[in-house]
C-alpha atoms as a PDB file:
ATOM      1  CA  MET A   1      80.994 120.668  79.542  1.00  0.00           C
ATOM      2  CA  ILE A   2      78.333 118.944  81.669  1.00  0.00           C
ATOM      3  CA  ASP A   3      74.566 119.031  81.497  1.00  0.00           C
ATOM      4  CA  GLU A   4      72.081 120.176  84.107  1.00  0.00           C
ATOM      5  CA  LYS A   5      71.004 116.662  85.101  1.00  0.00           C
ATOM      6  CA  GLN A   6      74.570 115.572  85.824  1.00  0.00           C
ATOM      7  CA  ILE A   7      75.131 118.612  88.036  1.00  0.00           C
ATOM      8  CA  LYS A   8      71.889 117.959  89.881  1.00  0.00           C
ATOM      9  CA  ARG A   9      72.913 114.312  90.376  1.00  0.00           C
ATOM     10  CA  LEU A  10      76.254 115.406  91.854  1.00  0.00           C
ATOM     11  CA  TYR A  11      74.658 117.792  94.333  1.00  0.00           C
ATOM     12  CA  ASP A  12      71.667 115.577  95.179  1.00  0.00           C
ATOM     13  CA  GLN A  13      73.922 112.751  96.373  1.00  0.00           C
ATOM     14  CA  SER A  14      76.546 114.932  98.034  1.00  0.00           C
ATOM     15  CA  TYR A  15      75.155 115.130 101.596  1.00  0.00           C
ATOM     16  CA  VAL A  16      75.660 111.412 102.163  1.00  0.00           C
ATOM     17  CA  SER A  17      79.163 111.680 100.724  1.00  0.00           C
ATOM     18  CA  TYR A  18      80.075 114.569 103.040  1.00  0.00           C
ATOM     19  CA  ILE A  19      78.781 112.745 106.120  1.00  0.00           C
ATOM     20  CA  ALA A  20      80.614 109.525 105.251  1.00  0.00           C
ATOM     21  CA  THR A  21      83.850 111.367 104.501  1.00  0.00           C
ATOM     22  CA  TYR A  22      83.692 113.319 107.743  1.00  0.00           C
ATOM     23  CA  PHE A  23      82.987 110.155 109.721  1.00  0.00           C
ATOM     24  CA  VAL A  24      86.122 108.566 108.244  1.00  0.00           C
ATOM     25  CA  ALA A  25      88.058 111.759 109.071  1.00  0.00           C
ATOM     26  CA  VAL A  26      86.985 111.456 112.711  1.00  0.00           C
ATOM     27  CA  LEU A  27      88.113 107.826 112.782  1.00  0.00           C
ATOM     28  CA  ALA A  28      91.456 108.723 111.197  1.00  0.00           C
ATOM     29  CA  TYR A  29      91.986 111.556 113.666  1.00  0.00           C
ATOM     30  CA  TRP A  30      91.194 109.313 116.631  1.00  0.00           C
ATOM     31  CA  LEU A  31      93.422 106.515 115.390  1.00  0.00           C
ATOM     32  CA  PHE A  32      96.477 108.562 114.413  1.00  0.00           C
ATOM     33  CA  LYS A  33      96.435 111.324 117.055  1.00  0.00           C
ATOM     34  CA  ASP A  34      98.836 109.330 119.245  1.00  0.00           C
ATOM     35  CA  ILE A  35     101.536 108.967 116.594  1.00  0.00           C
ATOM     36  CA  ALA A  36     101.142 112.099 114.441  1.00  0.00           C
ATOM     37  CA  PRO A  37     102.568 115.463 115.580  1.00  0.00           C
ATOM     38  CA  GLU A  38      99.800 117.059 117.646  1.00  0.00           C
ATOM     39  CA  LYS A  39      99.806 120.471 115.962  1.00  0.00           C
ATOM     40  CA  ILE A  40      99.800 118.970 112.487  1.00  0.00           C
ATOM     41  CA  ILE A  41      96.950 116.513 112.980  1.00  0.00           C
ATOM     42  CA  ASN A  42      94.863 119.059 114.928  1.00  0.00           C
ATOM     43  CA  THR A  43      95.363 121.648 112.195  1.00  0.00           C
ATOM     44  CA  TRP A  44      94.428 119.121 109.504  1.00  0.00           C
ATOM     45  CA  PHE A  45      91.273 118.113 111.362  1.00  0.00           C
ATOM     46  CA  ILE A  46      90.179 121.714 111.955  1.00  0.00           C
ATOM     47  CA  ILE A  47      90.729 122.584 108.281  1.00  0.00           C
ATOM     48  CA  PHE A  48      88.861 119.454 107.201  1.00  0.00           C
ATOM     49  CA  SER A  49      85.934 120.270 109.551  1.00  0.00           C
ATOM     50  CA  LEU A  50      85.667 123.854 108.287  1.00  0.00           C
ATOM     51  CA  PHE A  51      85.949 122.708 104.689  1.00  0.00           C
ATOM     52  CA  THR A  52      83.225 120.078 105.148  1.00  0.00           C
ATOM     53  CA  THR A  53      80.960 122.748 106.648  1.00  0.00           C
ATOM     54  CA  ALA A  54      81.628 124.959 103.620  1.00  0.00           C
ATOM     55  CA  ARG A  55      80.684 122.075 101.297  1.00  0.00           C
ATOM     56  CA  PHE A  56      77.395 121.577 103.145  1.00  0.00           C
ATOM     57  CA  ILE A  57      76.651 125.298 102.746  1.00  0.00           C
ATOM     58  CA  LEU A  58      77.561 125.168  99.045  1.00  0.00           C
ATOM     59  CA  THR A  59      75.168 122.269  98.430  1.00  0.00           C
ATOM     60  CA  TRP A  60      72.447 123.956 100.486  1.00  0.00           C
ATOM     61  CA  ARG A  61      72.819 127.119  98.388  1.00  0.00           C
ATOM     62  CA  PHE A  62      72.590 125.083  95.191  1.00  0.00           C
ATOM     63  CA  LYS A  63      69.373 123.435  96.322  1.00  0.00           C
ATOM     64  CA  GLN A  64      67.817 126.770  97.334  1.00  0.00           C
ATOM     65  CA  GLY A  65      67.983 128.616  94.022  1.00  0.00           C
ATOM     66  CA  LYS A  66      67.291 128.363  90.338  1.00  0.00           C
ATOM     67  CA  ASN A  67      70.698 127.395  89.059  1.00  0.00           C
ATOM     68  CA  GLN A  68      70.110 126.519  85.436  1.00  0.00           C
ATOM     69  CA  GLU A  69      71.753 129.735  84.213  1.00  0.00           C
ATOM     70  CA  TYR A  70      74.959 129.009  86.105  1.00  0.00           C
ATOM     71  CA  ASP A  71      75.601 125.323  85.383  1.00  0.00           C
ATOM     72  CA  ASP A  72      79.284 125.810  84.574  1.00  0.00           C
ATOM     73  CA  ILE A  73      79.922 127.811  87.735  1.00  0.00           C
ATOM     74  CA  TRP A  74      78.189 125.300  90.002  1.00  0.00           C
ATOM     75  CA  PHE A  75      80.054 122.461  88.334  1.00  0.00           C
ATOM     76  CA  MET A  76      83.428 124.178  88.749  1.00  0.00           C
ATOM     77  CA  LEU A  77      82.686 124.881  92.421  1.00  0.00           C
ATOM     78  CA  PHE A  78      81.855 121.229  92.977  1.00  0.00           C
ATOM     79  CA  LEU A  79      84.925 120.094  91.023  1.00  0.00           C
ATOM     80  CA  ILE A  80      87.270 122.393  92.960  1.00  0.00           C
ATOM     81  CA  SER A  81      85.802 121.380  96.329  1.00  0.00           C
ATOM     82  CA  THR A  82      86.192 117.714  95.439  1.00  0.00           C
ATOM     83  CA  ALA A  83      89.814 118.241  94.396  1.00  0.00           C
ATOM     84  CA  ILE A  84      90.538 120.026  97.692  1.00  0.00           C
ATOM     85  CA  SER A  85      88.954 117.149  99.612  1.00  0.00           C
ATOM     86  CA  GLY A  86      91.071 114.627  97.713  1.00  0.00           C
ATOM     87  CA  THR A  87      94.207 116.690  98.357  1.00  0.00           C
ATOM     88  CA  LEU A  88      93.500 116.868 102.086  1.00  0.00           C
ATOM     89  CA  TRP A  89      93.238 113.091 102.162  1.00  0.00           C
ATOM     90  CA  GLY A  90      96.343 112.756 100.023  1.00  0.00           C
ATOM     91  CA  LEU A  91      98.352 114.747 102.565  1.00  0.00           C
ATOM     92  CA  THR A  92      97.509 112.390 105.416  1.00  0.00           C
ATOM     93  CA  GLY A  93     100.113 109.792 104.458  1.00  0.00           C
ATOM     94  CA  PHE A  94     102.810 112.474 104.570  1.00  0.00           C
ATOM     95  CA  LEU A  95     101.554 114.252 107.708  1.00  0.00           C
ATOM     96  CA  PHE A  96     100.107 111.581 109.994  1.00  0.00           C
ATOM     97  CA  ILE A  97     102.822 108.927 109.941  1.00  0.00           C
ATOM     98  CA  PRO A  98     106.347 109.917 111.013  1.00  0.00           C
ATOM     99  CA  ASP A  99     108.213 107.013 109.435  1.00  0.00           C
ATOM    100  CA  GLU A 100     111.579 107.982 110.915  1.00  0.00           C
ATOM    101  CA  THR A 101     110.296 107.174 114.419  1.00  0.00           C
ATOM    102  CA  LEU A 102     108.450 103.958 113.572  1.00  0.00           C
ATOM    103  CA  SER A 103     109.672 100.447 112.973  1.00  0.00           C
ATOM    104  CA  LEU A 104     109.177  98.950 109.517  1.00  0.00           C
ATOM    105  CA  LEU A 105     106.257  96.830 110.728  1.00  0.00           C
ATOM    106  CA  ASP A 106     104.536  99.766 112.448  1.00  0.00           C
ATOM    107  CA  SER A 107     105.053 101.968 109.397  1.00  0.00           C
ATOM    108  CA  VAL A 108     103.553  99.410 107.014  1.00  0.00           C
ATOM    109  CA  LEU A 109     100.664  98.754 109.405  1.00  0.00           C
ATOM    110  CA  ASN A 110      99.806 102.425 109.836  1.00  0.00           C
ATOM    111  CA  HIS A 111     100.110 103.215 106.135  1.00  0.00           C
ATOM    112  CA  GLY A 112      97.970 100.166 105.404  1.00  0.00           C
ATOM    113  CA  ILE A 113      95.209 101.313 107.762  1.00  0.00           C
ATOM    114  CA  LEU A 114      95.279 104.829 106.348  1.00  0.00           C
ATOM    115  CA  LEU A 115      95.139 103.566 102.762  1.00  0.00           C
ATOM    116  CA  LEU A 116      92.265 101.277 103.760  1.00  0.00           C
ATOM    117  CA  PHE A 117      90.340 104.358 104.881  1.00  0.00           C
ATOM    118  CA  ILE A 118      91.088 106.209 101.651  1.00  0.00           C
ATOM    119  CA  ALA A 119      90.409 103.184  99.442  1.00  0.00           C
ATOM    120  CA  SER A 120      87.008 102.842 101.100  1.00  0.00           C
ATOM    121  CA  LEU A 121      86.330 106.514 100.339  1.00  0.00           C
ATOM    122  CA  ILE A 122      87.188 106.284  96.644  1.00  0.00           C
ATOM    123  CA  GLY A 123      85.162 103.083  96.419  1.00  0.00           C
ATOM    124  CA  GLY A 124      82.195 104.632  98.202  1.00  0.00           C
ATOM    125  CA  SER A 125      82.321 107.846  96.186  1.00  0.00           C
ATOM    126  CA  ILE A 126      82.146 106.005  92.885  1.00  0.00           C
ATOM    127  CA  ILE A 127      78.352 106.321  92.665  1.00  0.00           C
ATOM    128  CA  THR A 128      78.201 109.910  93.907  1.00  0.00           C
ATOM    129  CA  TYR A 129      81.033 111.302  91.762  1.00  0.00           C
ATOM    130  CA  SER A 130      80.806 109.154  88.640  1.00  0.00           C
ATOM    131  CA  ALA A 131      78.179 111.461  87.191  1.00  0.00           C
ATOM    132  CA  SER A 132      81.318 113.226  85.955  1.00  0.00           C
ATOM    133  CA  LYS A 133      84.615 111.484  85.197  1.00  0.00           C
ATOM    134  CA  MET A 134      86.448 114.724  85.977  1.00  0.00           C
ATOM    135  CA  VAL A 135      84.917 114.949  89.441  1.00  0.00           C
ATOM    136  CA  TYR A 136      85.764 111.367  90.325  1.00  0.00           C
ATOM    137  CA  MET A 137      89.350 111.805  89.120  1.00  0.00           C
ATOM    138  CA  SER A 138      89.687 115.130  90.960  1.00  0.00           C
ATOM    139  CA  PHE A 139      88.997 113.282  94.210  1.00  0.00           C
ATOM    140  CA  SER A 140      90.590 109.879  93.729  1.00  0.00           C
ATOM    141  CA  ILE A 141      93.874 110.857  92.077  1.00  0.00           C
ATOM    142  CA  PRO A 142      95.141 113.352  94.689  1.00  0.00           C
ATOM    143  CA  ALA A 143      93.722 111.237  97.523  1.00  0.00           C
ATOM    144  CA  ILE A 144      95.567 108.037  96.763  1.00  0.00           C
ATOM    145  CA  VAL A 145      98.141 108.265  93.961  1.00  0.00           C
ATOM    146  CA  PRO A 146     100.781 110.441  95.745  1.00  0.00           C
ATOM    147  CA  GLN A 147     100.711 108.197  98.810  1.00  0.00           C
ATOM    148  CA  CYS A 148     101.053 105.041  96.741  1.00  0.00           C
ATOM    149  CA  LEU A 149     103.961 106.470  94.750  1.00  0.00           C
ATOM    150  CA  MET A 150     105.621 107.604  97.985  1.00  0.00           C
ATOM    151  CA  LEU A 151     105.388 104.088  99.404  1.00  0.00           C
ATOM    152  CA  ILE A 152     106.687 102.501  96.197  1.00  0.00           C
ATOM    153  CA  ALA A 153     109.598 104.960  96.181  1.00  0.00           C
ATOM    154  CA  GLN A 154     110.686 103.835  99.657  1.00  0.00           C
ATOM    155  CA  GLY A 155     112.150 100.781  97.985  1.00  0.00           C
ATOM    156  CA  ASN A 156     111.535  98.005 100.500  1.00  0.00           C
ATOM    157  CA  LYS A 157     109.240  95.211  99.392  1.00  0.00           C
ATOM    158  CA  TYR A 158     106.597  95.754 102.068  1.00  0.00           C
ATOM    159  CA  HIS A 159     105.958  99.429 101.398  1.00  0.00           C
ATOM    160  CA  SER A 160     106.283  98.880  97.648  1.00  0.00           C
ATOM    161  CA  PHE A 161     103.795  96.007  97.673  1.00  0.00           C
ATOM    162  CA  LEU A 162     101.315  98.019  99.733  1.00  0.00           C
ATOM    163  CA  GLY A 163     101.606 101.046  97.463  1.00  0.00           C
ATOM    164  CA  GLY A 164     101.421  98.940  94.312  1.00  0.00           C
ATOM    165  CA  ILE A 165      98.385  96.900  95.304  1.00  0.00           C
ATOM    166  CA  VAL A 166      96.389  99.968  96.393  1.00  0.00           C
ATOM    167  CA  LEU A 167      97.396 101.807  93.217  1.00  0.00           C
ATOM    168  CA  ALA A 168      96.120  98.841  91.184  1.00  0.00           C
ATOM    169  CA  TYR A 169      92.862  98.999  93.149  1.00  0.00           C
ATOM    170  CA  ALA A 170      92.552 102.707  92.351  1.00  0.00           C
ATOM    171  CA  CYS A 171      92.997 101.974  88.634  1.00  0.00           C
ATOM    172  CA  ILE A 172      90.256  99.339  88.766  1.00  0.00           C
ATOM    173  CA  MET A 173      87.950 101.801  90.521  1.00  0.00           C
ATOM    174  CA  PHE A 174      88.614 104.365  87.800  1.00  0.00           C
ATOM    175  CA  VAL A 175      87.663 101.873  85.081  1.00  0.00           C
ATOM    176  CA  ILE A 176      84.455 101.080  86.965  1.00  0.00           C
ATOM    177  CA  SER A 177      83.717 104.799  87.336  1.00  0.00           C
ATOM    178  CA  VAL A 178      84.015 105.235  83.562  1.00  0.00           C
ATOM    179  CA  TYR A 179      81.478 102.444  83.054  1.00  0.00           C
ATOM    180  CA  ILE A 180      79.080 103.962  85.615  1.00  0.00           C
ATOM    181  CA  ASN A 181      79.486 107.365  83.956  1.00  0.00           C
ATOM    182  CA  ARG A 182      78.405 105.818  80.645  1.00  0.00           C
ATOM    183  CA  VAL A 183      75.337 104.339  82.352  1.00  0.00           C
ATOM    184  CA  PHE A 184      74.436 107.757  83.757  1.00  0.00           C
ATOM    185  CA  THR A 185      74.975 109.400  80.359  1.00  0.00           C
ATOM    186  CA  GLU A 186      72.770 106.862  78.580  1.00  0.00           C
ATOM    187  CA  SER A 187      70.113 107.221  81.272  1.00  0.00           C
ATOM    188  CA  ASN A 188      70.084 111.003  80.781  1.00  0.00           C
ATOM    189  CA  LYS A 189      69.716 110.531  77.018  1.00  0.00           C
ATOM    190  CA  VAL A 190      66.777 108.173  77.466  1.00  0.00           C
ATOM    191  CA  GLU A 191      65.084 110.589  79.895  1.00  0.00           C
ATOM    192  CA  ALA A 192      65.598 113.481  77.459  1.00  0.00           C
ATOM    193  CA  GLU A 193      64.124 111.425  74.590  1.00  0.00           C
ATOM    194  CA  ASN A 194      61.118 110.448  76.707  1.00  0.00           C
ATOM    195  CA  GLU A 195      60.488 114.070  77.661  1.00  0.00           C
ATOM    196  CA  PHE A 196      60.700 115.070  73.980  1.00  0.00           C
ATOM    197  CA  LEU A 197      58.213 112.357  72.954  1.00  0.00           C
ATOM    198  CA  LYS A 198      55.760 113.477  75.632  1.00  0.00           C
ATOM    199  CA  LYS A 199      55.690 116.901  74.028  1.00  0.00           C
END
């Protein structure tokens, strides 16, 4: 499914990804705590904090042991954790912004800021997660696609434009991730060939 070097690349770069994602979560919590229902946003932030801690522990455990025999297991753990992270971000547009109590302008503004946060995350994660196309998709699709479709479905031109333009951005990022994945794959092949020639 995925080779040892790709798994190592995913885990080696993950600490920076976790820190950046948590920093954005803190910013989102601070910015939206005044408009989101208090219990909901507090619960989300606590779950996200505990989950980020668990991801740090998972990566630490990977780096401690000899994991070559369990490549598939470590990859699936990373894939599942990335999908959960993407889903937690995907829920924010539904949980943080109570549209029924906001004016159209405030709703568009708040959704725009939230999508800016998430778009920056899927852009920033492109190097870390593109070692595997599945991993990048497991994060980016649940993080941004449901929110964009929800905005488009609202029907007014402002929400629809916002959802459409961010969805187009996500598609472009996916194409770029495929290209970067090919670069990583070719690099691994060249390294393997060089190691074989040295023998």
